[in-house]
Amino acid sequence: MRDELIVTKARQLSKLGWSNRAVASELGVKSSTISRWCAQIESPRVKGIIDYYQNQRNKFFSMDHLTVAEISPKSAKLYTALLYWCEGSKYPADSRVCFTTSDVEMQRLFIALLRKGFKLDESKFRIWLQIHTDQNKNHIFSYWSNILKIPETQFIKPRITQKRGGRYRNVYYGTCTLRYHDYTLLLRLMGIYQRFTKDAFYSLA
């Protein structure tokens, strides 16, 4: 049975910034035991390390800032095509623009670039969602409608699935498939990224 006085002392020293090894030496207890006793304590030394790396992450996250407003329509076409190459359905498997992701910000960016780079008929958009049985369909529809600036009248019947085991994000708004019914636009997007990658290959060779 552990001595609560020793445990209390160990935690006090840890809070003062002592390392687990130093506390173990001082109290005559194994370092692994000290580590277990003090696992939930954020010492000044540990906090300093955490703060340092968080500041470093913030520094690099904010180093390069670019907005859609700063992108030319020509560049927007390229960025749209490259995103589509990653997440979009391709001909001949599909004959329409079909971009699927559960990443809200990626879907928001894709449609913003698509609108900036191409002349579109907004009535050709359709949204298809895959959601779980424990989610509120009306709330999810409203959320995506606001994100994409597409009326709910252009949403089609969702696929509702049973949530299964495994890890899920704390905030999940389903998987969104953005469809634009235009065969020629699909071919244009595919042509852009295919030519771009071919040109890049030859320029770097």
Protein backbone atom coordinates (compact mmCIF):
# COMPACT_ATOMS: atom_id res chain seq x y z
CA MET A 1 0.00 0.00 0.00
CA ARG A 2 1.41 3.39 -0.96
CA ASP A 3 2.16 6.08 1.64
CA GLU A 4 -0.17 9.00 0.85
CA LEU A 5 2.27 11.42 2.50
CA ILE A 6 4.99 10.36 0.05
CA VAL A 7 2.54 10.65 -2.86
CA THR A 8 1.55 14.14 -1.76
CA LYS A 9 5.20 15.16 -1.42
CA ALA A 10 6.01 13.74 -4.84
CA ARG A 11 3.21 15.75 -6.43
CA GLN A 12 4.27 18.91 -4.64
CA LEU A 13 7.82 18.57 -5.95
CA SER A 14 6.51 17.82 -9.45
CA LYS A 15 4.43 20.99 -9.37
CA LEU A 16 7.59 22.92 -8.46
CA GLY A 17 9.21 21.69 -11.65
CA TRP A 18 11.25 18.75 -10.41
CA SER A 19 11.80 15.98 -12.92
CA ASN A 20 10.48 12.49 -12.15
CA ARG A 21 14.03 11.22 -11.78
CA ALA A 22 14.90 13.94 -9.26
CA VAL A 23 11.74 13.30 -7.24
CA ALA A 24 12.43 9.56 -7.27
CA SER A 25 15.97 10.13 -5.98
CA GLU A 26 14.75 12.49 -3.27
CA LEU A 27 12.03 10.15 -1.98
CA GLY A 28 13.67 6.80 -2.64
CA VAL A 29 10.93 5.65 -4.99
CA LYS A 30 11.19 4.22 -8.52
CA SER A 31 11.03 6.82 -11.29
CA SER A 32 8.25 4.86 -13.03
CA THR A 33 6.18 5.04 -9.84
CA ILE A 34 6.67 8.80 -9.62
CA SER A 35 5.66 9.08 -13.26
CA ARG A 36 2.40 7.22 -12.53
CA TRP A 37 1.63 9.31 -9.43
CA CYS A 38 2.28 12.60 -11.19
CA ALA A 39 0.92 11.78 -14.66
CA GLN A 40 -1.87 14.37 -14.47
CA ILE A 41 0.29 17.18 -13.09
CA GLU A 42 1.48 19.87 -15.48
CA SER A 43 4.72 21.15 -13.96
CA PRO A 44 6.14 24.57 -14.93
CA ARG A 45 8.86 22.79 -16.92
CA VAL A 46 6.38 20.66 -18.86
CA LYS A 47 4.04 23.61 -19.35
CA GLY A 48 6.93 25.63 -20.72
CA ILE A 49 7.73 22.91 -23.25
CA ILE A 50 4.07 22.58 -24.29
CA ASP A 51 3.72 26.36 -24.65
CA TYR A 52 6.91 26.57 -26.71
CA TYR A 53 5.79 23.99 -29.25
CA GLN A 54 2.28 25.47 -29.40
CA ASN A 55 3.79 28.89 -30.18
CA GLN A 56 5.98 27.30 -32.86
CA ARG A 57 2.94 25.64 -34.46
CA ASN A 58 1.00 28.92 -34.40
CA LYS A 59 3.97 30.71 -35.97
CA PHE A 60 4.19 28.37 -38.94
CA PHE A 61 0.41 28.00 -39.33
CA SER A 62 0.10 31.77 -39.76
CA MET A 63 3.29 32.37 -41.78
CA ASP A 64 1.71 32.13 -45.26
CA HIS A 65 -1.70 33.73 -45.61
CA LEU A 66 -3.65 33.58 -48.86
CA THR A 67 -7.35 34.20 -49.43
CA VAL A 68 -9.60 33.13 -52.29
CA ALA A 69 -10.15 36.83 -53.03
CA GLU A 70 -6.44 37.16 -53.88
CA ILE A 71 -6.53 34.28 -56.36
CA SER A 72 -7.08 35.01 -60.04
CA PRO A 73 -9.83 33.11 -61.89
CA LYS A 74 -7.14 31.32 -63.91
CA SER A 75 -5.37 30.16 -60.75
CA ALA A 76 -8.72 29.21 -59.23
CA LYS A 77 -9.29 26.81 -62.13
CA LEU A 78 -5.98 25.09 -61.42
CA TYR A 79 -6.58 24.81 -57.65
CA THR A 80 -10.09 23.50 -58.24
CA ALA A 81 -8.80 20.87 -60.65
CA LEU A 82 -6.05 19.75 -58.26
CA LEU A 83 -8.53 19.39 -55.41
CA TYR A 84 -10.83 17.49 -57.72
CA TRP A 85 -7.97 15.16 -58.69
CA CYS A 86 -7.70 14.24 -55.00
CA GLU A 87 -11.36 13.85 -54.01
CA GLY A 88 -13.50 13.91 -57.15
CA SER A 89 -15.13 11.17 -59.22
CA LYS A 90 -13.54 10.69 -62.63
CA TYR A 91 -14.81 9.85 -66.12
CA PRO A 92 -15.77 7.20 -67.18
CA ALA A 93 -16.86 6.14 -63.68
CA ASP A 94 -18.98 9.31 -63.52
CA SER A 95 -20.30 11.81 -66.05
CA ARG A 96 -20.77 14.78 -63.71
CA VAL A 97 -18.65 16.78 -61.29
CA CYS A 98 -18.89 14.84 -58.02
CA PHE A 99 -16.74 15.95 -55.06
CA THR A 100 -17.04 13.98 -51.81
CA THR A 101 -15.54 14.74 -48.41
CA SER A 102 -16.46 14.92 -44.72
CA ASP A 103 -13.99 17.80 -44.31
CA VAL A 104 -16.20 20.88 -44.06
CA GLU A 105 -13.42 23.37 -44.84
CA MET A 106 -12.28 21.42 -47.89
CA GLN A 107 -15.81 21.36 -49.29
CA ARG A 108 -16.23 25.07 -48.57
CA LEU A 109 -12.93 25.83 -50.34
CA PHE A 110 -13.74 23.62 -53.32
CA ILE A 111 -17.02 25.32 -54.09
CA ALA A 112 -15.52 28.79 -53.56
CA LEU A 113 -12.75 28.06 -56.05
CA LEU A 114 -15.18 26.39 -58.46
CA ARG A 115 -17.39 29.48 -58.43
CA LYS A 116 -14.44 31.81 -58.91
CA GLY A 117 -12.86 29.87 -61.74
CA PHE A 118 -15.88 28.91 -63.83
CA LYS A 119 -19.21 30.29 -65.00
CA LEU A 120 -21.82 28.12 -63.34
CA ASP A 121 -25.51 27.48 -63.47
CA GLU A 122 -26.36 27.31 -59.76
CA SER A 123 -29.48 25.26 -60.50
CA LYS A 124 -27.25 22.33 -61.55
CA PHE A 125 -25.94 21.79 -58.03
CA ARG A 126 -27.22 18.86 -56.01
CA ILE A 127 -26.11 17.90 -52.50
CA TRP A 128 -26.17 14.33 -51.23
CA LEU A 129 -25.29 13.61 -47.61
CA GLN A 130 -24.43 10.48 -45.72
CA ILE A 131 -25.34 10.88 -42.05
CA HIS A 132 -25.84 8.69 -39.00
CA THR A 133 -29.12 7.63 -37.46
CA ASP A 134 -28.38 9.62 -34.28
CA GLN A 135 -28.03 12.91 -36.19
CA ASN A 136 -30.76 15.48 -36.79
CA LYS A 137 -31.34 15.53 -40.54
CA ASN A 138 -32.92 19.00 -40.58
CA HIS A 139 -30.03 20.47 -38.62
CA ILE A 140 -27.44 18.85 -40.91
CA PHE A 141 -29.26 20.03 -44.04
CA SER A 142 -29.42 23.58 -42.69
CA TYR A 143 -25.75 23.49 -41.75
CA TRP A 144 -24.51 22.40 -45.19
CA SER A 145 -26.93 24.73 -46.96
CA ASN A 146 -25.39 27.65 -45.07
CA ILE A 147 -21.82 26.45 -45.70
CA LEU A 148 -22.27 25.92 -49.44
CA LYS A 149 -24.82 28.67 -50.13
CA ILE A 150 -27.06 26.15 -51.85
CA PRO A 151 -30.78 26.00 -50.97
CA GLU A 152 -32.11 22.88 -49.28
CA THR A 153 -34.48 22.37 -52.21
CA GLN A 154 -31.40 21.18 -54.13
CA PHE A 155 -30.56 18.52 -51.52
CA ILE A 156 -31.53 14.99 -52.40
CA LYS A 157 -32.56 12.17 -50.08
CA PRO A 158 -29.62 11.39 -47.77
CA ARG A 159 -28.13 8.04 -47.01
CA ILE A 160 -28.68 7.31 -43.31
CA THR A 161 -26.39 4.70 -41.78
CA GLN A 162 -26.06 3.10 -38.37
CA LYS A 163 -23.12 4.44 -36.39
CA ARG A 164 -20.72 1.58 -35.79
CA GLY A 165 -17.76 1.02 -33.47
CA GLY A 166 -14.54 2.92 -33.80
CA ARG A 167 -13.39 6.44 -33.12
CA TYR A 168 -15.41 9.40 -34.38
CA ARG A 169 -14.74 13.10 -34.31
CA ASN A 170 -16.39 15.16 -31.61
CA VAL A 171 -18.09 17.27 -34.28
CA TYR A 172 -19.26 15.40 -37.36
CA TYR A 173 -21.61 16.79 -39.98
CA GLY A 174 -21.76 13.74 -42.19
CA THR A 175 -20.09 13.10 -45.52
CA CYS A 176 -21.05 15.62 -48.18
CA THR A 177 -21.13 14.89 -51.90
CA LEU A 178 -21.37 18.01 -54.03
CA ARG A 179 -22.66 17.25 -57.51
CA TYR A 180 -22.70 19.56 -60.49
CA HIS A 181 -24.52 18.08 -63.44
CA ASP A 182 -22.30 19.13 -66.33
CA TYR A 183 -20.31 16.53 -68.26
CA THR A 184 -18.19 19.13 -70.04
CA LEU A 185 -17.06 20.75 -66.77
CA LEU A 186 -15.95 17.34 -65.50
CA LEU A 187 -13.81 16.86 -68.60
CA ARG A 188 -12.38 20.37 -68.28
CA LEU A 189 -11.30 19.77 -64.68
CA MET A 190 -9.68 16.46 -65.60
CA GLY A 191 -7.96 18.04 -68.59
CA ILE A 192 -6.52 20.85 -66.46
CA TYR A 193 -4.84 18.64 -63.88
CA GLN A 194 -3.67 16.11 -66.47
CA ARG A 195 -2.01 18.78 -68.63
CA PHE A 196 -0.61 20.57 -65.59
CA THR A 197 1.03 17.44 -64.19
CA LYS A 198 2.37 16.51 -67.63
CA ASP A 199 3.90 19.99 -68.06
CA ALA A 200 5.32 19.83 -64.53
CA PHE A 201 6.92 16.45 -65.29
CA TYR A 202 8.65 17.70 -68.42
CA SER A 203 9.74 20.99 -66.83
CA LEU A 204 11.39 19.15 -63.93
CA ALA A 205 12.95 16.39 -66.04
